[in-house]
Protein backbone atom coordinates (compact mmCIF):
# COMPACT_ATOMS: atom_id res chain seq x y z
CA MET A 1 -1.65 27.76 4.11
CA THR A 2 -2.29 24.01 4.20
CA ALA A 3 -5.59 24.60 6.02
CA ALA A 4 -6.92 26.08 2.76
CA ILE A 5 -5.88 22.99 0.78
CA LYS A 6 -8.64 20.42 1.12
CA SER A 7 -7.04 17.33 -0.39
CA THR A 8 -4.57 15.77 -2.80
CA GLU A 9 -6.15 13.85 -5.68
CA PRO A 10 -4.99 10.23 -5.05
CA CYS A 11 -4.61 8.84 -8.56
CA PHE A 12 -3.08 5.60 -7.19
CA ASN A 13 -6.52 4.51 -5.88
CA ASP A 14 -8.08 3.99 -9.30
CA GLU A 15 -4.91 3.87 -11.39
CA PRO A 16 -2.42 1.64 -9.53
CA TYR A 17 -0.59 0.74 -12.77
CA THR A 18 0.06 4.37 -13.75
CA ARG A 19 3.79 5.03 -13.45
CA ALA A 20 3.97 8.74 -14.31
CA LEU A 21 1.78 11.84 -14.50
CA GLU A 22 1.92 15.64 -14.51
CA ALA A 23 1.11 17.61 -11.35
CA THR A 24 1.51 21.05 -9.79
CA ILE A 25 3.19 21.94 -6.50
CA LEU A 26 0.67 23.44 -4.07
CA HIS A 27 2.80 23.95 -0.97
CA VAL A 28 6.38 23.53 0.23
CA ASP A 29 7.32 22.84 3.85
CA GLY A 30 11.06 22.30 4.20
CA ASP A 31 11.88 19.10 2.33
CA GLN A 32 8.22 18.13 1.87
CA LEU A 33 5.94 19.00 -1.05
CA LEU A 34 2.18 18.94 -1.49
CA LEU A 35 0.94 18.28 -5.04
CA ASP A 36 -2.53 18.80 -6.47
CA ARG A 37 -2.56 15.15 -7.60
CA THR A 38 -0.27 12.19 -7.08
CA ILE A 39 0.46 8.60 -7.99
CA PHE A 40 2.78 8.21 -4.99
CA TYR A 41 1.17 5.88 -2.44
CA PRO A 42 1.53 7.19 1.15
CA THR A 43 2.65 4.86 3.95
CA GLY A 44 -0.35 3.03 5.40
CA GLY A 45 -1.88 -0.36 6.05
CA GLY A 46 1.54 -1.95 6.36
CA GLN A 47 2.52 -0.81 2.84
CA PRO A 48 5.51 1.57 2.58
CA GLY A 49 5.25 4.96 0.94
CA ASP A 50 6.33 5.16 -2.68
CA THR A 51 9.66 6.58 -3.82
CA GLY A 52 10.63 8.00 -7.20
CA THR A 53 11.34 11.33 -8.87
CA LEU A 54 9.78 14.73 -9.53
CA THR A 55 11.18 16.50 -12.59
CA LEU A 56 10.77 20.28 -12.87
CA ALA A 57 10.22 22.14 -16.15
CA ASP A 58 13.89 23.22 -16.23
CA GLY A 59 15.02 19.59 -16.08
CA ARG A 60 16.02 19.53 -12.43
CA GLN A 61 15.12 16.27 -10.78
CA LEU A 62 14.05 15.83 -7.16
CA THR A 63 14.32 12.39 -5.58
CA VAL A 64 11.22 11.40 -3.58
CA THR A 65 12.50 9.42 -0.59
CA ASP A 66 9.16 8.82 1.14
CA THR A 67 5.46 9.61 0.90
CA ALA A 68 3.09 10.05 3.86
CA ARG A 69 -0.33 11.41 4.76
CA ASP A 70 -0.61 14.59 6.77
CA PRO A 71 -1.12 13.65 10.46
CA ASP A 72 -3.90 16.23 10.86
CA ASN A 73 -5.59 15.88 7.47
CA PRO A 74 -5.15 12.40 5.93
CA GLU A 75 -6.51 13.66 2.60
CA LEU A 76 -3.28 15.63 2.12
CA ILE A 77 -0.27 13.64 0.89
CA TRP A 78 3.29 14.86 1.48
CA HIS A 79 6.24 13.95 -0.73
CA ARG A 80 9.62 14.11 1.02
CA VAL A 81 12.38 15.08 -1.39
CA ALA A 82 16.16 15.05 -1.23
CA THR A 83 17.81 18.19 -2.59
CA ASP A 84 21.05 19.99 -1.75
CA ASP A 85 20.25 23.13 -3.73
CA THR A 86 18.53 25.23 -1.04
CA ASP A 87 19.00 28.46 -3.04
CA ASP A 88 16.79 27.20 -5.83
CA ALA A 89 14.20 25.20 -3.93
CA PRO A 90 10.93 24.18 -5.61
CA HIS A 91 8.02 26.56 -5.02
CA PRO A 92 4.23 26.52 -5.31
CA GLY A 93 2.86 26.81 -8.82
CA GLN A 94 5.66 24.85 -10.46
CA ALA A 95 4.70 21.96 -12.73
CA VAL A 96 6.37 18.61 -12.07
CA HIS A 97 6.59 15.32 -13.93
CA CYS A 98 6.01 12.58 -11.35
CA GLU A 99 7.44 9.11 -11.78
CA ILE A 100 7.36 6.34 -9.19
CA ASP A 101 9.92 3.58 -8.66
CA TRP A 102 7.72 1.10 -10.49
CA ASP A 103 9.64 -2.08 -9.73
CA ARG A 104 9.43 -1.38 -5.99
CA ARG A 105 5.75 -0.38 -6.14
CA TYR A 106 4.77 -3.41 -8.23
CA ARG A 107 6.41 -5.74 -5.74
CA HIS A 108 4.42 -4.05 -2.97
CA MET A 109 1.23 -4.54 -5.01
CA ARG A 110 1.94 -8.23 -5.55
CA MET A 111 2.73 -8.88 -1.89
CA HIS A 112 -0.20 -6.83 -0.62
CA THR A 113 -2.64 -8.90 -2.68
CA CYS A 114 -0.91 -12.08 -1.49
CA LEU A 115 -1.47 -11.04 2.13
CA HIS A 116 -5.18 -10.67 1.38
CA LEU A 117 -5.15 -14.26 0.14
CA LEU A 118 -3.47 -15.28 3.39
CA CYS A 119 -6.28 -13.55 5.28
CA SER A 120 -8.77 -15.73 3.44
CA LEU A 121 -6.98 -18.87 4.71
CA ILE A 122 -6.60 -17.90 8.38
CA ASP A 123 -9.83 -17.46 10.31
CA ALA A 124 -8.51 -15.07 12.94
CA PRO A 125 -8.22 -11.30 13.51
CA VAL A 126 -5.14 -9.58 12.09
CA THR A 127 -2.96 -7.90 14.72
CA GLY A 128 -0.14 -6.59 12.52
CA CYS A 129 1.04 -6.23 8.94
CA SER A 130 4.26 -5.36 7.14
CA ILE A 131 5.02 -5.26 3.41
CA ALA A 132 8.42 -4.93 1.75
CA ALA A 133 9.72 -5.29 -1.79
CA ASP A 134 10.99 -8.82 -1.12
CA LYS A 135 8.76 -10.12 1.67
CA GLY A 136 5.64 -9.60 3.75
CA ARG A 137 4.15 -10.69 7.05
CA LEU A 138 0.84 -10.84 8.86
CA ASP A 139 0.28 -11.34 12.58
CA PHE A 140 -2.87 -13.12 13.69
CA ASP A 141 -4.60 -13.52 17.03
CA LEU A 142 -4.29 -17.29 16.65
CA PRO A 143 -3.62 -19.61 19.61
CA ASP A 144 -3.35 -22.85 17.63
CA PRO A 145 -0.35 -23.79 15.43
CA VAL A 146 -0.61 -23.98 11.63
CA ASP A 147 1.54 -25.99 9.19
CA ARG A 148 3.50 -23.54 7.00
CA ILE A 149 3.82 -26.13 4.21
CA ILE A 150 0.04 -26.37 3.96
CA VAL A 151 -0.21 -22.57 3.98
CA THR A 152 2.28 -22.40 1.10
CA GLU A 153 0.36 -24.98 -0.92
CA LYS A 154 -3.00 -23.26 -0.40
CA LEU A 155 -1.61 -19.81 -1.24
CA ASN A 156 -0.08 -21.00 -4.49
CA HIS A 157 -3.29 -22.78 -5.41
CA LEU A 158 -5.22 -19.50 -5.07
CA ILE A 159 -2.54 -17.59 -6.96
CA HIS A 160 -2.55 -20.10 -9.83
CA GLN A 161 -6.34 -19.84 -10.17
CA GLY A 162 -5.94 -16.38 -11.68
CA LEU A 163 -8.56 -14.68 -9.53
CA ASP A 164 -9.55 -11.15 -10.50
CA VAL A 165 -9.04 -8.34 -7.99
CA ARG A 166 -11.28 -5.28 -7.93
CA HIS A 167 -12.04 -2.32 -5.70
CA PHE A 168 -15.11 -0.22 -4.97
CA TYR A 169 -16.29 2.33 -2.42
CA THR A 170 -18.95 2.02 0.24
CA GLU A 171 -20.31 3.72 3.34
CA PRO A 172 -18.37 3.21 6.60
CA GLU A 173 -21.45 1.87 8.40
CA SER A 174 -21.74 -1.11 6.05
CA ILE A 175 -18.36 -2.73 6.64
CA ALA A 176 -18.18 -3.48 10.39
CA SER A 177 -18.24 -7.26 9.92
CA LEU A 178 -15.54 -7.13 7.21
CA VAL A 179 -12.81 -5.38 9.21
CA ARG A 180 -10.01 -7.91 9.81
CA THR A 181 -7.48 -5.79 11.72
CA GLU A 182 -7.91 -5.46 15.47
CA ALA A 183 -7.83 -2.00 17.08
CA VAL A 184 -7.41 -0.23 13.71
CA SER A 185 -10.31 1.39 11.89
CA PRO A 186 -10.25 1.50 8.09
CA PRO A 187 -9.49 4.96 6.65
CA VAL A 188 -12.54 7.03 5.75
CA LEU A 189 -11.68 9.49 2.97
CA GLN A 190 -14.26 11.87 1.52
CA GLY A 191 -16.92 9.99 3.47
CA ALA A 192 -16.27 6.58 1.92
CA VAL A 193 -14.30 3.41 2.61
CA ARG A 194 -12.39 1.68 -0.17
CA MET A 195 -13.04 -2.06 -0.42
CA VAL A 196 -10.78 -4.61 -2.12
CA GLU A 197 -12.22 -7.92 -3.32
CA VAL A 198 -10.39 -10.99 -4.56
CA THR A 199 -13.17 -12.67 -6.51
CA GLY A 200 -14.91 -15.32 -4.44
CA THR A 201 -12.07 -15.41 -1.92
CA ASP A 202 -11.58 -12.28 0.17
CA LEU A 203 -13.34 -8.97 0.77
CA GLN A 204 -12.10 -6.31 3.19
CA PRO A 205 -11.56 -2.56 3.52
CA CYS A 206 -8.13 -1.53 2.24
CA GLY A 207 -6.53 1.64 0.94
CA GLY A 208 -3.49 -0.10 -0.56
CA THR A 209 -2.48 -0.80 -4.14
CA HIS A 210 -3.12 -4.25 -5.62
CA VAL A 211 -2.60 -6.29 -8.76
CA GLN A 212 -5.52 -6.98 -11.10
CA ASN A 213 -5.16 -10.75 -11.08
CA THR A 214 -3.62 -13.17 -8.59
CA ARG A 215 -1.40 -14.79 -11.27
CA GLU A 216 0.67 -11.60 -11.18
CA ILE A 217 1.81 -12.45 -7.64
CA GLY A 218 3.93 -15.40 -8.72
CA PRO A 219 4.85 -18.48 -6.65
CA VAL A 220 5.36 -17.72 -2.95
CA ILE A 221 6.51 -19.58 0.13
CA CYS A 222 5.58 -19.25 3.79
CA THR A 223 9.09 -19.21 5.25
CA LYS A 224 8.08 -19.41 8.91
CA ILE A 225 5.27 -19.12 11.41
CA GLN A 226 6.44 -17.73 14.74
CA LYS A 227 4.63 -17.70 18.04
CA LYS A 228 5.04 -14.12 19.24
CA SER A 229 2.86 -14.34 22.34
CA LYS A 230 0.31 -16.68 23.94
CA THR A 231 -2.24 -16.10 21.19
CA ASN A 232 -0.27 -14.23 18.51
CA ARG A 233 1.40 -15.90 15.51
CA ARG A 234 3.43 -14.24 12.75
CA PHE A 235 3.28 -15.60 9.19
CA SER A 236 6.24 -14.58 7.00
CA LEU A 237 6.08 -14.82 3.20
CA THR A 238 8.44 -14.29 0.30
CA TRP A 239 8.68 -15.32 -3.34
CA GLN A 240 9.99 -18.79 -4.06
CA ASP A 241 12.80 -17.44 -6.25
CA ASN A 242 14.14 -15.55 -3.22
CA VAL A 243 14.80 -18.80 -1.39
CA ALA A 244 17.99 -20.64 -2.32
């Protein structure tokens, strides 16, 4: 069945601030649903999959606990739902009202953009990334130590400048020199790579969701820089109001 479904329309790519939309269930596989279109971001690039709710026409509400791409066809996006009513499970053809956990998603957007700013400050390949609602981290192939206080000051300077953030699409062959993450190729969907640019500061391929302006990030702090191996250093960030 899923082989006949070519893709899920990813509305989060061009509409990251959209919190709700109407969709139709295309396929059900246990506790996972395929929709014809979605605003739920699937786990990828260090950013967690979105959570939220799907409300059926009869008022029943399904809790979305995770969102992920299909391992065989990344253009299909699965929504894992929690439901105890197995006798009245959702089925293909049903309309659903989709609503994401906006507070959680927006925090991911703010931190993801902040990590792109960090990339602009550290001239080294990225070896790992993790984003959460209250913190984020990047690992760099960086043998020399860096002062976390200086990193904090430079990040907040960029944030305060109110730099615009935009995205566009380009051919995979044109972005080789812009890939920052070692051993991981940027996702190619429908023959194109999505690029994210922080005006005059950073440009790299990225499929994640971002804020429109760096001021939305808010004041941050680099809480620590850890040496994880001979040449690998981990930069951990959070918002200043999270630190007592």
